[in-house]
Amino acid sequence: MSWALDAGKIGLTALIIFAVVQVSERNTLLAAVLASVPIVSVLAMIWMNHDGQSAEEISGFAKDIAWLLIPSLLIFIVMPLLIERGWEFYPALGAGLLTTILGYFLMIQIMGKYGSVA
């Protein structure tokens, strides 16, 4: 029965992404609101709880997400800025992703230095 639960998790996640894309065709602001809600994080914490992880583990997961939100914002700053300056979509997306990855690396280093990472 575990495979059925896993398939349900995958299906629900895919449905959420599909819904955001469909809504974006009609209203980009509403799609942005839906995409900005931490649905994936909330679902992950629900699945973690369902799979028997402790409240402390889930709390640590939530705290790590909070710290990693900071570098994840870089893609949403860098990519539009580059597009506005004439970059094509995919190079701007790539640069935004690279900046975000570097931001994650730096934040993880900072978190490790101050004891936030296990």
Protein backbone atom coordinates (compact mmCIF):
# COMPACT_ATOMS: atom_id res chain seq x y z
CA MET A 1 0.00 0.00 0.00
CA SER A 2 3.04 2.29 0.39
CA TRP A 3 3.33 2.65 -3.39
CA ALA A 4 -0.29 3.86 -3.55
CA LEU A 5 0.41 6.53 -0.93
CA ASP A 6 3.57 7.58 -2.78
CA ALA A 7 1.63 7.76 -6.04
CA GLY A 8 -0.98 9.90 -4.31
CA LYS A 9 1.71 12.28 -3.04
CA ILE A 10 3.17 12.60 -6.52
CA GLY A 11 -0.28 13.07 -8.05
CA LEU A 12 -1.27 15.79 -5.60
CA THR A 13 2.01 17.64 -6.11
CA ALA A 14 1.65 17.45 -9.90
CA LEU A 15 -1.95 18.66 -9.64
CA ILE A 16 -0.88 21.72 -7.66
CA ILE A 17 1.77 22.64 -10.23
CA PHE A 18 -0.70 22.06 -13.06
CA ALA A 19 -3.28 24.27 -11.33
CA VAL A 20 -0.80 27.13 -10.94
CA VAL A 21 0.14 26.94 -14.64
CA GLN A 22 -3.52 26.89 -15.69
CA VAL A 23 -4.42 29.84 -13.46
CA SER A 24 -1.39 31.78 -14.78
CA GLU A 25 -2.93 31.73 -18.27
CA ARG A 26 -5.86 33.78 -16.92
CA ASN A 27 -4.41 35.77 -14.02
CA THR A 28 -0.68 35.95 -13.32
CA LEU A 29 -1.15 37.69 -9.96
CA LEU A 30 -3.47 34.96 -8.66
CA ALA A 31 -1.06 32.32 -9.97
CA ALA A 32 1.79 34.09 -8.17
CA VAL A 33 -0.21 34.08 -4.94
CA LEU A 34 -0.88 30.35 -5.32
CA ALA A 35 2.77 29.65 -6.16
CA SER A 36 4.03 31.74 -3.24
CA VAL A 37 2.01 29.82 -0.67
CA PRO A 38 4.39 27.25 0.79
CA ILE A 39 2.20 24.36 -0.35
CA VAL A 40 5.14 22.04 -1.02
CA SER A 41 6.64 22.74 2.40
CA VAL A 42 3.32 22.22 4.16
CA LEU A 43 2.69 18.99 2.27
CA ALA A 44 6.21 17.79 3.05
CA MET A 45 5.65 18.42 6.76
CA ILE A 46 2.31 16.58 6.60
CA TRP A 47 4.00 13.62 4.85
CA MET A 48 6.85 13.70 7.40
CA ASN A 49 4.34 13.60 10.25
CA HIS A 50 2.38 10.83 8.56
CA ASP A 51 5.60 8.85 8.06
CA GLY A 52 6.35 9.06 11.80
CA GLN A 53 9.01 11.75 12.04
CA SER A 54 9.11 13.55 15.35
CA ALA A 55 7.79 17.04 15.96
CA GLU A 56 11.38 18.13 16.65
CA GLU A 57 12.54 16.87 13.24
CA ILE A 58 9.65 18.64 11.52
CA SER A 59 10.39 21.81 13.51
CA GLY A 60 14.03 21.67 12.41
CA PHE A 61 12.91 21.20 8.82
CA ALA A 62 10.65 24.27 9.08
CA LYS A 63 13.47 26.37 10.59
CA ASP A 64 15.86 25.32 7.81
CA ILE A 65 13.25 26.29 5.22
CA ALA A 66 12.89 29.72 6.84
CA TRP A 67 16.64 30.36 6.54
CA LEU A 68 16.79 29.04 2.98
CA LEU A 69 13.95 31.27 1.83
CA ILE A 70 16.39 34.18 1.79
CA PRO A 71 18.62 32.83 -1.01
CA SER A 72 15.63 31.34 -2.84
CA LEU A 73 14.38 34.88 -3.43
CA LEU A 74 17.42 35.61 -5.58
CA ILE A 75 15.92 33.92 -8.65
CA PHE A 76 12.87 36.19 -8.42
CA ILE A 77 15.10 39.26 -8.26
CA VAL A 78 17.85 38.36 -10.75
CA MET A 79 15.77 36.76 -13.52
CA PRO A 80 13.25 39.61 -14.04
CA LEU A 81 16.04 42.18 -13.76
CA LEU A 82 18.01 40.48 -16.53
CA ILE A 83 14.94 40.07 -18.76
CA GLU A 84 14.18 43.78 -18.33
CA ARG A 85 17.76 44.47 -19.46
CA GLY A 86 17.24 42.53 -22.68
CA TRP A 87 18.32 39.00 -21.77
CA GLU A 88 16.40 36.11 -23.33
CA PHE A 89 14.29 33.97 -21.01
CA TYR A 90 16.49 30.86 -20.69
CA PRO A 91 19.82 32.66 -20.14
CA ALA A 92 18.10 34.89 -17.54
CA LEU A 93 16.55 31.83 -15.89
CA GLY A 94 19.92 30.09 -15.86
CA ALA A 95 21.63 33.10 -14.31
CA GLY A 96 18.85 33.36 -11.72
CA LEU A 97 19.20 29.68 -10.87
CA LEU A 98 22.98 29.93 -10.65
CA THR A 99 22.69 32.94 -8.36
CA THR A 100 20.20 31.06 -6.20
CA ILE A 101 22.46 27.99 -6.00
CA LEU A 102 25.37 30.20 -4.93
CA GLY A 103 23.07 31.86 -2.39
CA TYR A 104 22.09 28.44 -1.02
CA PHE A 105 25.74 27.45 -0.74
CA LEU A 106 26.60 30.62 1.15
CA MET A 107 23.56 30.37 3.44
CA ILE A 108 24.32 26.73 4.26
CA GLN A 109 27.88 27.77 5.14
CA ILE A 110 26.52 30.51 7.41
CA MET A 111 23.99 28.13 8.98
CA GLY A 112 26.74 25.57 9.61
CA LYS A 113 28.96 28.17 11.21
CA TYR A 114 26.25 29.18 13.64
CA GLY A 115 25.05 25.65 14.40
CA SER A 116 21.77 25.75 12.47
CA VAL A 117 22.59 22.74 10.29
CA ALA A 118 22.77 19.24 11.73
